Amino acid sequence: MDHAQVSHLSELWFDALCGICANVARGGGGLTPSDIVPARLNQQQIDELQSQYRIADVLPLTPLQQGLLFHAGAAQGCDDVYAVQLDIALQGPLSAQKLHEALRGVLNRHPNLAARFCDQFDNPVQLIPADPVAEWQYLELDGVTADEPIEQFCAAERAAVCDLTSHPVFRAALICTGPDQHRFVLTAHHIVVDGWSLPILLHEIFAGYHGQRLPAATPYRRFIAWLAERDLDAARSAWREVLAGFDTPTLVGPPQKYRSGRRGITSYRIPEQTTRALYELARSHHTTVNTVLQAAWAQLLVGLTGQHDVAFGSRCQDGPPRWPGRNRWWAC
């Protein structure tokens, strides 16, 4: 090649580089089907989603999330059965701005809390936002002594997380009720966090508020990938064996009416003697009080249904047992 040809080739090379840089600056590129495995969407579907939202990742739903999304779609009217909420009274000086910043820090660590759920394709997916945000409110109710206004607000927050496809399912509010008196309300749908995980979430928020450094968060994608690698055929076979001969569902309500009702909370104080007896029974059988109570619930179902074989579901934490920091992550 002579000097002129080399110069021309060099110009073409720099033109190509400039074109690549310009494309990147315009936000060119994006996710492809191989980027979002194990989610199953084609490029056209991905492009459709990316034209509406700024997406960092697309993930399939866990089995529990699939069930919750089904319940949300089948429920008639608003239903807060699957809303989890913390209402905490705080005393002393508090910076609303610092608390909001700490909340944003937790969302950046766990962007799946701000996921948007999409059921418009054959397989529902959750969209992990590139800029995760939670619905945040700061209210001043100075001089309000009754709990009723706050209870009404909390009920409205629970109702607000019912719509899984159109609105944020994770919300936070700080209510000032007087000088150095606040109520901190965290509300989320069970599809992104469960009740057991809320204390972990709360710990991370206040650790960030006080400037404490936290260990690296386990990516939610890692949990989804672990679920996708399981042998589902073997799991189905195992459950068929367990449920062999179980032909009649355990129903405590009318089978012809499927709808969820609004939750009701009733408190009952168990005598100390009964509590001690429960712990002693569990200890003597090398099990937990929770297991004893589940056995009691099973006996109640036998009495209600008149069936000797009954089945009911109970959620338990699942995940790779050897993950570092397993007690610091949450997933549904």
C-alpha atoms as a PDB file:
ATOM      1  CA  MET A   1       0.000   0.000   0.000  1.00  0.00           C
ATOM      2  CA  ASP A   2       1.270   3.430  -0.873  1.00  0.00           C
ATOM      3  CA  HIS A   3       1.063   6.515   1.330  1.00  0.00           C
ATOM      4  CA  ALA A   4      -2.221   7.712  -0.193  1.00  0.00           C
ATOM      5  CA  GLN A   5      -3.925   4.354   0.421  1.00  0.00           C
ATOM      6  CA  VAL A   6      -2.701   4.242   4.014  1.00  0.00           C
ATOM      7  CA  SER A   7      -3.997   7.771   4.599  1.00  0.00           C
ATOM      8  CA  HIS A   8      -7.365   6.884   3.105  1.00  0.00           C
ATOM      9  CA  LEU A   9      -7.611   3.728   5.243  1.00  0.00           C
ATOM     10  CA  SER A  10      -6.741   5.785   8.310  1.00  0.00           C
ATOM     11  CA  GLU A  11      -9.503   8.275   7.516  1.00  0.00           C
ATOM     12  CA  LEU A  12     -12.028   5.461   7.115  1.00  0.00           C
ATOM     13  CA  TRP A  13     -10.934   3.982  10.436  1.00  0.00           C
ATOM     14  CA  PHE A  14     -11.392   7.260  12.311  1.00  0.00           C
ATOM     15  CA  ASP A  15     -14.741   7.848  10.594  1.00  0.00           C
ATOM     16  CA  ALA A  16     -15.887   4.434  11.833  1.00  0.00           C
ATOM     17  CA  LEU A  17     -14.739   5.222  15.385  1.00  0.00           C
ATOM     18  CA  CYS A  18     -16.541   8.574  15.293  1.00  0.00           C
ATOM     19  CA  GLY A  19     -19.703   6.808  14.146  1.00  0.00           C
ATOM     20  CA  ILE A  20     -19.487   4.315  16.995  1.00  0.00           C
ATOM     21  CA  CYS A  21     -18.945   7.099  19.553  1.00  0.00           C
ATOM     22  CA  ALA A  22     -21.846   9.116  18.177  1.00  0.00           C
ATOM     23  CA  ASN A  23     -24.119   6.082  18.350  1.00  0.00           C
ATOM     24  CA  VAL A  24     -23.162   5.430  21.964  1.00  0.00           C
ATOM     25  CA  ALA A  25     -23.703   9.096  22.852  1.00  0.00           C
ATOM     26  CA  ARG A  26     -27.229   8.893  21.444  1.00  0.00           C
ATOM     27  CA  GLY A  27     -27.962   5.928  23.664  1.00  0.00           C
ATOM     28  CA  GLY A  28     -27.598   3.417  20.898  1.00  0.00           C
ATOM     29  CA  GLY A  29     -27.427  -0.279  21.555  1.00  0.00           C
ATOM     30  CA  GLY A  30     -29.433  -1.778  24.384  1.00  0.00           C
ATOM     31  CA  LEU A  31     -30.387  -5.167  25.702  1.00  0.00           C
ATOM     32  CA  THR A  32     -30.553  -8.246  23.506  1.00  0.00           C
ATOM     33  CA  PRO A  33     -32.164 -11.651  24.176  1.00  0.00           C
ATOM     34  CA  SER A  34     -28.817 -13.104  25.282  1.00  0.00           C
ATOM     35  CA  ASP A  35     -28.430 -10.327  27.889  1.00  0.00           C
ATOM     36  CA  ILE A  36     -31.633 -11.189  29.738  1.00  0.00           C
ATOM     37  CA  VAL A  37     -31.423 -14.997  29.929  1.00  0.00           C
ATOM     38  CA  PRO A  38     -33.192 -16.773  31.674  1.00  0.00           C
ATOM     39  CA  ALA A  39     -35.997 -14.357  30.702  1.00  0.00           C
ATOM     40  CA  ARG A  40     -37.487 -15.297  27.338  1.00  0.00           C
ATOM     41  CA  LEU A  41     -38.225 -12.299  25.139  1.00  0.00           C
ATOM     42  CA  ASN A  42     -37.360 -11.694  21.507  1.00  0.00           C
ATOM     43  CA  GLN A  43     -35.619  -8.563  20.279  1.00  0.00           C
ATOM     44  CA  GLN A  44     -38.846  -6.920  19.146  1.00  0.00           C
ATOM     45  CA  GLN A  45     -40.384  -7.352  22.595  1.00  0.00           C
ATOM     46  CA  ILE A  46     -37.244  -6.023  24.282  1.00  0.00           C
ATOM     47  CA  ASP A  47     -37.182  -2.998  21.976  1.00  0.00           C
ATOM     48  CA  GLU A  48     -40.839  -2.341  22.766  1.00  0.00           C
ATOM     49  CA  LEU A  49     -40.100  -2.284  26.484  1.00  0.00           C
ATOM     50  CA  GLN A  50     -36.986  -0.154  26.064  1.00  0.00           C
ATOM     51  CA  SER A  51     -38.975   2.408  24.096  1.00  0.00           C
ATOM     52  CA  GLN A  52     -41.176   2.898  27.188  1.00  0.00           C
ATOM     53  CA  TYR A  53     -38.754   2.510  30.102  1.00  0.00           C
ATOM     54  CA  ARG A  54     -35.082   2.911  30.971  1.00  0.00           C
ATOM     55  CA  ILE A  55     -34.242  -0.696  31.794  1.00  0.00           C
ATOM     56  CA  ALA A  56     -31.090  -2.110  33.340  1.00  0.00           C
ATOM     57  CA  ASP A  57     -32.233  -5.734  33.243  1.00  0.00           C
ATOM     58  CA  VAL A  58     -35.191  -7.981  32.494  1.00  0.00           C
ATOM     59  CA  LEU A  59     -35.799 -11.006  34.720  1.00  0.00           C
ATOM     60  CA  PRO A  60     -38.375 -13.784  34.834  1.00  0.00           C
ATOM     61  CA  LEU A  61     -40.601 -14.035  37.871  1.00  0.00           C
ATOM     62  CA  THR A  62     -39.951 -16.485  40.667  1.00  0.00           C
ATOM     63  CA  PRO A  63     -42.666 -19.119  41.228  1.00  0.00           C
ATOM     64  CA  LEU A  64     -43.970 -17.149  44.215  1.00  0.00           C
ATOM     65  CA  GLN A  65     -44.037 -13.929  42.199  1.00  0.00           C
ATOM     66  CA  GLN A  66     -45.972 -15.663  39.423  1.00  0.00           C
ATOM     67  CA  GLY A  67     -48.616 -16.685  41.945  1.00  0.00           C
ATOM     68  CA  LEU A  68     -48.829 -13.198  43.427  1.00  0.00           C
ATOM     69  CA  LEU A  69     -49.144 -11.619  39.977  1.00  0.00           C
ATOM     70  CA  PHE A  70     -51.949 -14.068  39.187  1.00  0.00           C
ATOM     71  CA  HIS A  71     -53.759 -13.188  42.416  1.00  0.00           C
ATOM     72  CA  ALA A  72     -53.382  -9.471  41.688  1.00  0.00           C
ATOM     73  CA  GLY A  73     -54.905  -9.917  38.243  1.00  0.00           C
ATOM     74  CA  ALA A  74     -57.739 -12.142  39.462  1.00  0.00           C
ATOM     75  CA  ALA A  75     -58.706 -10.024  42.474  1.00  0.00           C
ATOM     76  CA  GLN A  76     -61.833  -7.933  42.007  1.00  0.00           C
ATOM     77  CA  GLY A  77     -61.155  -4.400  43.157  1.00  0.00           C
ATOM     78  CA  CYS A  78     -58.296  -3.269  45.330  1.00  0.00           C
ATOM     79  CA  ASP A  79     -56.896  -5.822  47.726  1.00  0.00           C
ATOM     80  CA  ASP A  80     -54.203  -5.187  50.325  1.00  0.00           C
ATOM     81  CA  VAL A  81     -53.822  -8.775  51.536  1.00  0.00           C
ATOM     82  CA  TYR A  82     -50.324  -8.936  50.079  1.00  0.00           C
ATOM     83  CA  ALA A  83     -49.189  -5.495  51.237  1.00  0.00           C
ATOM     84  CA  VAL A  84     -46.436  -5.540  53.867  1.00  0.00           C
ATOM     85  CA  GLN A  85     -45.954  -2.432  55.951  1.00  0.00           C
ATOM     86  CA  LEU A  86     -43.824  -1.026  58.750  1.00  0.00           C
ATOM     87  CA  ASP A  87     -45.059   1.980  60.747  1.00  0.00           C
ATOM     88  CA  ILE A  88     -42.298   3.145  63.082  1.00  0.00           C
ATOM     89  CA  ALA A  89     -42.424   5.965  65.629  1.00  0.00           C
ATOM     90  CA  LEU A  90     -39.157   7.931  65.759  1.00  0.00           C
ATOM     91  CA  GLN A  91     -38.146  10.400  68.454  1.00  0.00           C
ATOM     92  CA  GLY A  92     -35.312  12.899  68.306  1.00  0.00           C
ATOM     93  CA  PRO A  93     -33.702  15.080  65.634  1.00  0.00           C
ATOM     94  CA  LEU A  94     -34.122  13.635  62.152  1.00  0.00           C
ATOM     95  CA  SER A  95     -33.140  14.857  58.694  1.00  0.00           C
ATOM     96  CA  ALA A  96     -35.789  14.026  56.106  1.00  0.00           C
ATOM     97  CA  GLN A  97     -33.291  14.696  53.320  1.00  0.00           C
ATOM     98  CA  LYS A  98     -30.697  12.303  54.751  1.00  0.00           C
ATOM     99  CA  LEU A  99     -33.342   9.629  55.251  1.00  0.00           C
ATOM    100  CA  HIS A 100     -34.514  10.024  51.662  1.00  0.00           C
ATOM    101  CA  GLU A 101     -30.909   9.785  50.429  1.00  0.00           C
ATOM    102  CA  ALA A 102     -30.388   6.633  52.507  1.00  0.00           C
ATOM    103  CA  LEU A 103     -33.509   5.144  50.966  1.00  0.00           C
ATOM    104  CA  ARG A 104     -32.202   5.917  47.482  1.00  0.00           C
ATOM    105  CA  GLY A 105     -28.929   4.237  48.430  1.00  0.00           C
ATOM    106  CA  VAL A 106     -30.754   1.045  49.392  1.00  0.00           C
ATOM    107  CA  LEU A 107     -32.679   1.105  46.109  1.00  0.00           C
ATOM    108  CA  ASN A 108     -29.409   1.419  44.211  1.00  0.00           C
ATOM    109  CA  ARG A 109     -28.166  -1.649  46.102  1.00  0.00           C
ATOM    110  CA  HIS A 110     -31.391  -3.566  45.470  1.00  0.00           C
ATOM    111  CA  PRO A 111     -33.027  -2.113  42.323  1.00  0.00           C
ATOM    112  CA  ASN A 112     -35.425  -5.070  42.169  1.00  0.00           C
ATOM    113  CA  LEU A 113     -37.412  -3.301  44.919  1.00  0.00           C
ATOM    114  CA  ALA A 114     -38.454  -0.784  42.260  1.00  0.00           C
ATOM    115  CA  ALA A 115     -39.217  -3.413  39.616  1.00  0.00           C
ATOM    116  CA  ARG A 116     -42.095  -2.926  37.215  1.00  0.00           C
ATOM    117  CA  PHE A 117     -44.087  -6.056  36.383  1.00  0.00           C
ATOM    118  CA  CYS A 118     -45.092  -6.760  32.815  1.00  0.00           C
ATOM    119  CA  ASP A 119     -47.582  -9.474  31.848  1.00  0.00           C
ATOM    120  CA  GLN A 120     -48.250  -8.464  28.241  1.00  0.00           C
ATOM    121  CA  PHE A 121     -46.144 -11.288  26.779  1.00  0.00           C
ATOM    122  CA  ASP A 122     -46.441 -15.079  27.022  1.00  0.00           C
ATOM    123  CA  ASN A 123     -44.113 -15.173  30.024  1.00  0.00           C
ATOM    124  CA  PRO A 124     -44.447 -12.371  32.598  1.00  0.00           C
ATOM    125  CA  VAL A 125     -41.244 -10.512  33.415  1.00  0.00           C
ATOM    126  CA  GLN A 126     -40.012  -7.935  35.882  1.00  0.00           C
ATOM    127  CA  LEU A 127     -38.236  -4.869  34.554  1.00  0.00           C
ATOM    128  CA  ILE A 128     -35.310  -3.727  36.684  1.00  0.00           C
ATOM    129  CA  PRO A 129     -35.035   0.059  36.229  1.00  0.00           C
ATOM    130  CA  ALA A 130     -31.803   1.805  35.323  1.00  0.00           C
ATOM    131  CA  ASP A 131     -32.741   4.598  37.749  1.00  0.00           C
ATOM    132  CA  PRO A 132     -34.609   2.915  40.623  1.00  0.00           C
ATOM    133  CA  VAL A 133     -36.851   5.225  42.614  1.00  0.00           C
ATOM    134  CA  ALA A 134     -39.467   4.718  45.296  1.00  0.00           C
ATOM    135  CA  GLU A 135     -42.577   6.762  45.849  1.00  0.00           C
ATOM    136  CA  TRP A 136     -41.519   9.146  48.649  1.00  0.00           C
ATOM    137  CA  GLN A 137     -43.732  11.479  50.665  1.00  0.00           C
ATOM    138  CA  TYR A 138     -42.999  13.907  53.473  1.00  0.00           C
ATOM    139  CA  LEU A 139     -46.010  15.087  55.471  1.00  0.00           C
ATOM    140  CA  GLU A 140     -46.392  17.477  58.381  1.00  0.00           C
ATOM    141  CA  LEU A 141     -49.243  16.711  60.764  1.00  0.00           C
ATOM    142  CA  ASP A 142     -48.187  18.854  63.698  1.00  0.00           C
ATOM    143  CA  GLY A 143     -50.715  18.894  66.481  1.00  0.00           C
ATOM    144  CA  VAL A 144     -52.487  15.728  65.376  1.00  0.00           C
ATOM    145  CA  THR A 145     -52.896  13.596  68.487  1.00  0.00           C
ATOM    146  CA  ALA A 146     -55.301  10.959  67.199  1.00  0.00           C
ATOM    147  CA  ASP A 147     -53.972   7.968  65.275  1.00  0.00           C
ATOM    148  CA  GLU A 148     -56.915   7.909  62.869  1.00  0.00           C
ATOM    149  CA  PRO A 149     -55.396  10.220  60.190  1.00  0.00           C
ATOM    150  CA  ILE A 150     -52.185   8.201  60.168  1.00  0.00           C
ATOM    151  CA  GLU A 151     -54.097   4.929  60.064  1.00  0.00           C
ATOM    152  CA  GLN A 152     -56.052   6.222  57.075  1.00  0.00           C
ATOM    153  CA  PHE A 153     -52.818   7.247  55.379  1.00  0.00           C
ATOM    154  CA  CYS A 154     -51.288   3.806  56.015  1.00  0.00           C
ATOM    155  CA  ALA A 155     -54.381   2.129  54.563  1.00  0.00           C
ATOM    156  CA  ALA A 156     -54.104   4.322  51.458  1.00  0.00           C
ATOM    157  CA  GLU A 157     -50.429   3.377  51.103  1.00  0.00           C
ATOM    158  CA  ARG A 158     -51.308  -0.322  51.255  1.00  0.00           C
ATOM    159  CA  ALA A 159     -53.977   0.196  48.625  1.00  0.00           C
ATOM    160  CA  ALA A 160     -51.504   2.078  46.422  1.00  0.00           C
ATOM    161  CA  VAL A 161     -49.265  -0.972  45.978  1.00  0.00           C
ATOM    162  CA  CYS A 162     -52.125  -3.136  44.684  1.00  0.00           C
ATOM    163  CA  ASP A 163     -51.600  -2.226  41.016  1.00  0.00           C
ATOM    164  CA  LEU A 164     -48.479  -4.177  40.085  1.00  0.00           C
ATOM    165  CA  THR A 165     -48.206  -3.078  36.467  1.00  0.00           C
ATOM    166  CA  SER A 166     -48.790   0.679  36.561  1.00  0.00           C
ATOM    167  CA  HIS A 167     -47.486   2.067  39.852  1.00  0.00           C
ATOM    168  CA  PRO A 168     -44.442   1.626  42.117  1.00  0.00           C
ATOM    169  CA  VAL A 169     -44.890  -1.300  44.477  1.00  0.00           C
ATOM    170  CA  PHE A 170     -42.418   0.084  47.021  1.00  0.00           C
ATOM    171  CA  ARG A 171     -43.282   3.295  48.873  1.00  0.00           C
ATOM    172  CA  ALA A 172     -41.940   5.267  51.800  1.00  0.00           C
ATOM    173  CA  ALA A 173     -43.276   8.188  53.801  1.00  0.00           C
ATOM    174  CA  LEU A 174     -42.000  10.297  56.667  1.00  0.00           C
ATOM    175  CA  ILE A 175     -44.703  11.976  58.750  1.00  0.00           C
ATOM    176  CA  CYS A 176     -43.766  14.774  61.136  1.00  0.00           C
ATOM    177  CA  THR A 177     -46.207  14.747  64.061  1.00  0.00           C
ATOM    178  CA  GLY A 178     -44.450  17.343  66.218  1.00  0.00           C
ATOM    179  CA  PRO A 179     -41.041  18.737  67.182  1.00  0.00           C
ATOM    180  CA  ASP A 180     -38.575  15.827  66.849  1.00  0.00           C
ATOM    181  CA  GLN A 181     -41.515  13.416  66.488  1.00  0.00           C
ATOM    182  CA  HIS A 182     -41.911  11.369  63.305  1.00  0.00           C
ATOM    183  CA  ARG A 183     -43.568   8.270  61.900  1.00  0.00           C
ATOM    184  CA  PHE A 184     -41.646   6.392  59.215  1.00  0.00           C
ATOM    185  CA  VAL A 185     -43.924   4.259  57.034  1.00  0.00           C
ATOM    186  CA  LEU A 186     -42.521   1.675  54.619  1.00  0.00           C
ATOM    187  CA  THR A 187     -45.005  -0.105  52.363  1.00  0.00           C
ATOM    188  CA  ALA A 188     -44.369  -2.688  49.672  1.00  0.00           C
ATOM    189  CA  HIS A 189     -46.170  -5.430  47.849  1.00  0.00           C
ATOM    190  CA  HIS A 190     -45.165  -8.932  48.852  1.00  0.00           C
ATOM    191  CA  ILE A 191     -44.066  -9.506  45.240  1.00  0.00           C
ATOM    192  CA  VAL A 192     -40.835  -7.544  45.881  1.00  0.00           C
ATOM    193  CA  VAL A 193     -40.222  -8.110  49.582  1.00  0.00           C
ATOM    194  CA  ASP A 194     -41.690 -10.188  52.386  1.00  0.00           C
ATOM    195  CA  GLY A 195     -42.406  -9.362  55.988  1.00  0.00           C
ATOM    196  CA  TRP A 196     -39.351 -11.190  57.290  1.00  0.00           C
ATOM    197  CA  SER A 197     -37.089  -9.119  55.048  1.00  0.00           C
ATOM    198  CA  LEU A 198     -38.401  -5.710  56.098  1.00  0.00           C
ATOM    199  CA  PRO A 199     -36.137  -5.567  59.197  1.00  0.00           C
ATOM    200  CA  ILE A 200     -33.122  -6.191  56.924  1.00  0.00           C
ATOM    201  CA  LEU A 201     -34.316  -3.396  54.674  1.00  0.00           C
ATOM    202  CA  LEU A 202     -34.821  -1.107  57.663  1.00  0.00           C
ATOM    203  CA  HIS A 203     -31.323  -1.883  58.954  1.00  0.00           C
ATOM    204  CA  GLU A 204     -29.774  -0.940  55.615  1.00  0.00           C
ATOM    205  CA  ILE A 205     -31.733   2.321  55.438  1.00  0.00           C
ATOM    206  CA  PHE A 206     -30.591   3.519  58.855  1.00  0.00           C
ATOM    207  CA  ALA A 207     -27.065   2.231  58.299  1.00  0.00           C
ATOM    208  CA  GLY A 208     -26.964   4.482  55.246  1.00  0.00           C
ATOM    209  CA  TYR A 209     -28.515   7.329  57.224  1.00  0.00           C
ATOM    210  CA  HIS A 210     -25.671   7.126  59.770  1.00  0.00           C
ATOM    211  CA  GLY A 211     -23.013   6.761  57.070  1.00  0.00           C
ATOM    212  CA  GLN A 212     -22.130   3.150  57.852  1.00  0.00           C
ATOM    213  CA  ARG A 213     -20.538   1.055  55.127  1.00  0.00           C
ATOM    214  CA  LEU A 214     -22.415  -2.086  54.153  1.00  0.00           C
ATOM    215  CA  PRO A 215     -21.019  -5.237  52.531  1.00  0.00           C
ATOM    216  CA  ALA A 216     -21.606  -5.656  48.823  1.00  0.00           C
ATOM    217  CA  ALA A 217     -25.172  -6.657  48.026  1.00  0.00           C
ATOM    218  CA  THR A 218     -25.890 -10.001  46.387  1.00  0.00           C
ATOM    219  CA  PRO A 219     -27.337  -9.294  42.919  1.00  0.00           C
ATOM    220  CA  TYR A 220     -30.957 -10.376  42.615  1.00  0.00           C
ATOM    221  CA  ARG A 221     -30.136 -11.815  39.184  1.00  0.00           C
ATOM    222  CA  ARG A 222     -27.973 -14.398  40.928  1.00  0.00           C
ATOM    223  CA  PHE A 223     -30.973 -15.743  42.818  1.00  0.00           C
ATOM    224  CA  ILE A 224     -33.070 -15.822  39.632  1.00  0.00           C
ATOM    225  CA  ALA A 225     -30.293 -17.683  37.802  1.00  0.00           C
ATOM    226  CA  TRP A 226     -30.104 -20.242  40.613  1.00  0.00           C
ATOM    227  CA  LEU A 227     -33.843 -20.847  40.355  1.00  0.00           C
ATOM    228  CA  ALA A 228     -33.580 -21.294  36.580  1.00  0.00           C
ATOM    229  CA  GLU A 229     -30.890 -23.954  36.977  1.00  0.00           C
ATOM    230  CA  ARG A 230     -33.034 -26.250  39.123  1.00  0.00           C
ATOM    231  CA  ASP A 231     -34.324 -29.527  37.726  1.00  0.00           C
ATOM    232  CA  LEU A 232     -38.053 -28.794  37.478  1.00  0.00           C
ATOM    233  CA  ASP A 233     -38.918 -32.252  36.156  1.00  0.00           C
ATOM    234  CA  ALA A 234     -37.311 -33.836  39.208  1.00  0.00           C
ATOM    235  CA  ALA A 235     -39.173 -31.396  41.470  1.00  0.00           C
ATOM    236  CA  ARG A 236     -42.521 -32.208  39.838  1.00  0.00           C
ATOM    237  CA  SER A 237     -41.815 -35.919  40.169  1.00  0.00           C
ATOM    238  CA  ALA A 238     -40.987 -35.535  43.854  1.00  0.00           C
ATOM    239  CA  TRP A 239     -44.191 -33.593  44.556  1.00  0.00           C
ATOM    240  CA  ARG A 240     -46.305 -36.087  42.612  1.00  0.00           C
ATOM    241  CA  GLU A 241     -44.911 -38.807  44.842  1.00  0.00           C
ATOM    242  CA  VAL A 242     -45.607 -36.795  47.999  1.00  0.00           C
ATOM    243  CA  LEU A 243     -49.188 -35.969  46.925  1.00  0.00           C
ATOM    244  CA  ALA A 244     -50.019 -39.398  45.498  1.00  0.00           C
ATOM    245  CA  GLY A 245     -53.558 -40.340  46.542  1.00  0.00           C
ATOM    246  CA  PHE A 246     -54.460 -36.801  47.582  1.00  0.00           C
ATOM    247  CA  ASP A 247     -57.455 -36.058  45.373  1.00  0.00           C
ATOM    248  CA  THR A 248     -59.655 -33.585  47.284  1.00  0.00           C
ATOM    249  CA  PRO A 249     -58.541 -29.968  47.789  1.00  0.00           C
ATOM    250  CA  THR A 250     -58.677 -28.498  51.275  1.00  0.00           C
ATOM    251  CA  LEU A 251     -61.200 -25.668  51.000  1.00  0.00           C
ATOM    252  CA  VAL A 252     -62.441 -23.603  53.930  1.00  0.00           C
ATOM    253  CA  GLY A 253     -64.548 -21.263  51.766  1.00  0.00           C
ATOM    254  CA  PRO A 254     -67.103 -21.616  48.954  1.00  0.00           C
ATOM    255  CA  PRO A 255     -65.340 -23.269  45.985  1.00  0.00           C
ATOM    256  CA  GLN A 256     -67.474 -21.443  43.407  1.00  0.00           C
ATOM    257  CA  LYS A 257     -66.367 -17.961  44.486  1.00  0.00           C
ATOM    258  CA  TYR A 258     -62.769 -17.029  43.855  1.00  0.00           C
ATOM    259  CA  ARG A 259     -61.804 -13.657  45.218  1.00  0.00           C
ATOM    260  CA  SER A 260     -59.505 -12.403  47.914  1.00  0.00           C
ATOM    261  CA  GLY A 261     -60.935 -10.467  50.804  1.00  0.00           C
ATOM    262  CA  ARG A 262     -59.447  -7.576  52.691  1.00  0.00           C
ATOM    263  CA  ARG A 263     -57.320  -8.690  55.541  1.00  0.00           C
ATOM    264  CA  GLY A 264     -58.380  -8.459  59.131  1.00  0.00           C
ATOM    265  CA  ILE A 265     -56.032  -8.431  62.117  1.00  0.00           C
ATOM    266  CA  THR A 266     -57.126  -9.804  65.471  1.00  0.00           C
ATOM    267  CA  SER A 267     -54.863  -9.852  68.508  1.00  0.00           C
ATOM    268  CA  TYR A 268     -55.147 -12.550  71.141  1.00  0.00           C
ATOM    269  CA  ARG A 269     -52.891 -12.760  74.182  1.00  0.00           C
ATOM    270  CA  ILE A 270     -51.890 -16.344  74.944  1.00  0.00           C
ATOM    271  CA  PRO A 271     -51.446 -17.122  78.645  1.00  0.00           C
ATOM    272  CA  GLU A 272     -47.834 -17.447  79.746  1.00  0.00           C
ATOM    273  CA  GLN A 273     -48.449 -21.035  80.853  1.00  0.00           C
ATOM    274  CA  THR A 274     -49.662 -21.962  77.354  1.00  0.00           C
ATOM    275  CA  THR A 275     -46.652 -20.269  75.772  1.00  0.00           C
ATOM    276  CA  ARG A 276     -44.261 -22.219  77.999  1.00  0.00           C
ATOM    277  CA  ALA A 277     -46.086 -25.436  77.137  1.00  0.00           C
ATOM    278  CA  LEU A 278     -45.738 -24.722  73.407  1.00  0.00           C
ATOM    279  CA  TYR A 279     -42.001 -24.134  73.723  1.00  0.00           C
ATOM    280  CA  GLU A 280     -41.584 -27.261  75.838  1.00  0.00           C
ATOM    281  CA  LEU A 281     -43.553 -29.360  73.332  1.00  0.00           C
ATOM    282  CA  ALA A 282     -41.429 -28.072  70.470  1.00  0.00           C
ATOM    283  CA  ARG A 283     -38.188 -28.629  72.405  1.00  0.00           C
ATOM    284  CA  SER A 284     -39.104 -32.165  73.431  1.00  0.00           C
ATOM    285  CA  HIS A 285     -39.739 -33.088  69.791  1.00  0.00           C
ATOM    286  CA  HIS A 286     -36.615 -31.303  68.493  1.00  0.00           C
ATOM    287  CA  THR A 287     -38.617 -28.910  66.341  1.00  0.00           C
ATOM    288  CA  THR A 288     -39.775 -25.286  66.326  1.00  0.00           C
ATOM    289  CA  VAL A 289     -42.840 -23.555  67.732  1.00  0.00           C
ATOM    290  CA  ASN A 290     -43.773 -22.627  64.165  1.00  0.00           C
ATOM    291  CA  THR A 291     -43.923 -26.318  63.243  1.00  0.00           C
ATOM    292  CA  VAL A 292     -46.095 -27.050  66.281  1.00  0.00           C
ATOM    293  CA  LEU A 293     -48.498 -24.268  65.285  1.00  0.00           C
ATOM    294  CA  GLN A 294     -48.656 -25.602  61.728  1.00  0.00           C
ATOM    295  CA  ALA A 295     -49.586 -29.013  63.127  1.00  0.00           C
ATOM    296  CA  ALA A 296     -52.345 -27.348  65.155  1.00  0.00           C
ATOM    297  CA  TRP A 297     -53.580 -25.577  62.017  1.00  0.00           C
ATOM    298  CA  ALA A 298     -53.655 -28.920  60.198  1.00  0.00           C
ATOM    299  CA  GLN A 299     -55.780 -30.396  62.988  1.00  0.00           C
ATOM    300  CA  LEU A 300     -58.151 -27.428  62.730  1.00  0.00           C
ATOM    301  CA  LEU A 301     -58.479 -27.998  58.972  1.00  0.00           C
ATOM    302  CA  VAL A 302     -59.317 -31.643  59.625  1.00  0.00           C
ATOM    303  CA  GLY A 303     -62.129 -30.532  61.915  1.00  0.00           C
ATOM    304  CA  LEU A 304     -63.416 -27.869  59.509  1.00  0.00           C
ATOM    305  CA  THR A 305     -63.396 -30.027  56.384  1.00  0.00           C
ATOM    306  CA  GLY A 306     -64.085 -33.480  57.801  1.00  0.00           C
ATOM    307  CA  GLN A 307     -61.173 -34.806  55.724  1.00  0.00           C
ATOM    308  CA  HIS A 308     -58.324 -36.834  57.174  1.00  0.00           C
ATOM    309  CA  ASP A 309     -55.931 -35.744  54.408  1.00  0.00           C
ATOM    310  CA  VAL A 310     -55.471 -31.976  54.276  1.00  0.00           C
ATOM    311  CA  ALA A 311     -52.957 -29.724  52.573  1.00  0.00           C
ATOM    312  CA  PHE A 312     -52.027 -26.086  53.078  1.00  0.00           C
ATOM    313  CA  GLY A 313     -49.172 -23.889  51.984  1.00  0.00           C
ATOM    314  CA  SER A 314     -46.582 -22.241  54.164  1.00  0.00           C
ATOM    315  CA  ARG A 315     -43.887 -19.965  52.805  1.00  0.00           C
ATOM    316  CA  CYS A 316     -40.283 -20.730  53.698  1.00  0.00           C
ATOM    317  CA  GLN A 317     -37.066 -19.035  52.659  1.00  0.00           C
ATOM    318  CA  ASP A 318     -35.378 -20.734  49.740  1.00  0.00           C
ATOM    319  CA  GLY A 319     -32.039 -20.219  48.119  1.00  0.00           C
ATOM    320  CA  PRO A 320     -28.507 -21.595  47.838  1.00  0.00           C
ATOM    321  CA  PRO A 321     -27.525 -22.450  51.428  1.00  0.00           C
ATOM    322  CA  ARG A 322     -23.820 -21.690  50.912  1.00  0.00           C
ATOM    323  CA  TRP A 323     -24.119 -18.174  49.564  1.00  0.00           C
ATOM    324  CA  PRO A 324     -21.963 -15.690  51.507  1.00  0.00           C
ATOM    325  CA  GLY A 325     -24.133 -13.234  53.410  1.00  0.00           C
ATOM    326  CA  ARG A 326     -27.298 -15.229  52.780  1.00  0.00           C
ATOM    327  CA  ASN A 327     -28.883 -13.670  55.861  1.00  0.00           C
ATOM    328  CA  ARG A 328     -28.438 -10.218  54.307  1.00  0.00           C
ATOM    329  CA  TRP A 329     -30.466 -10.705  51.125  1.00  0.00           C
ATOM    330  CA  TRP A 330     -34.116 -11.110  50.438  1.00  0.00           C
ATOM    331  CA  ALA A 331     -36.161 -12.445  47.567  1.00  0.00           C
ATOM    332  CA  CYS A 332     -39.666 -13.686  46.947  1.00  0.00           C
END
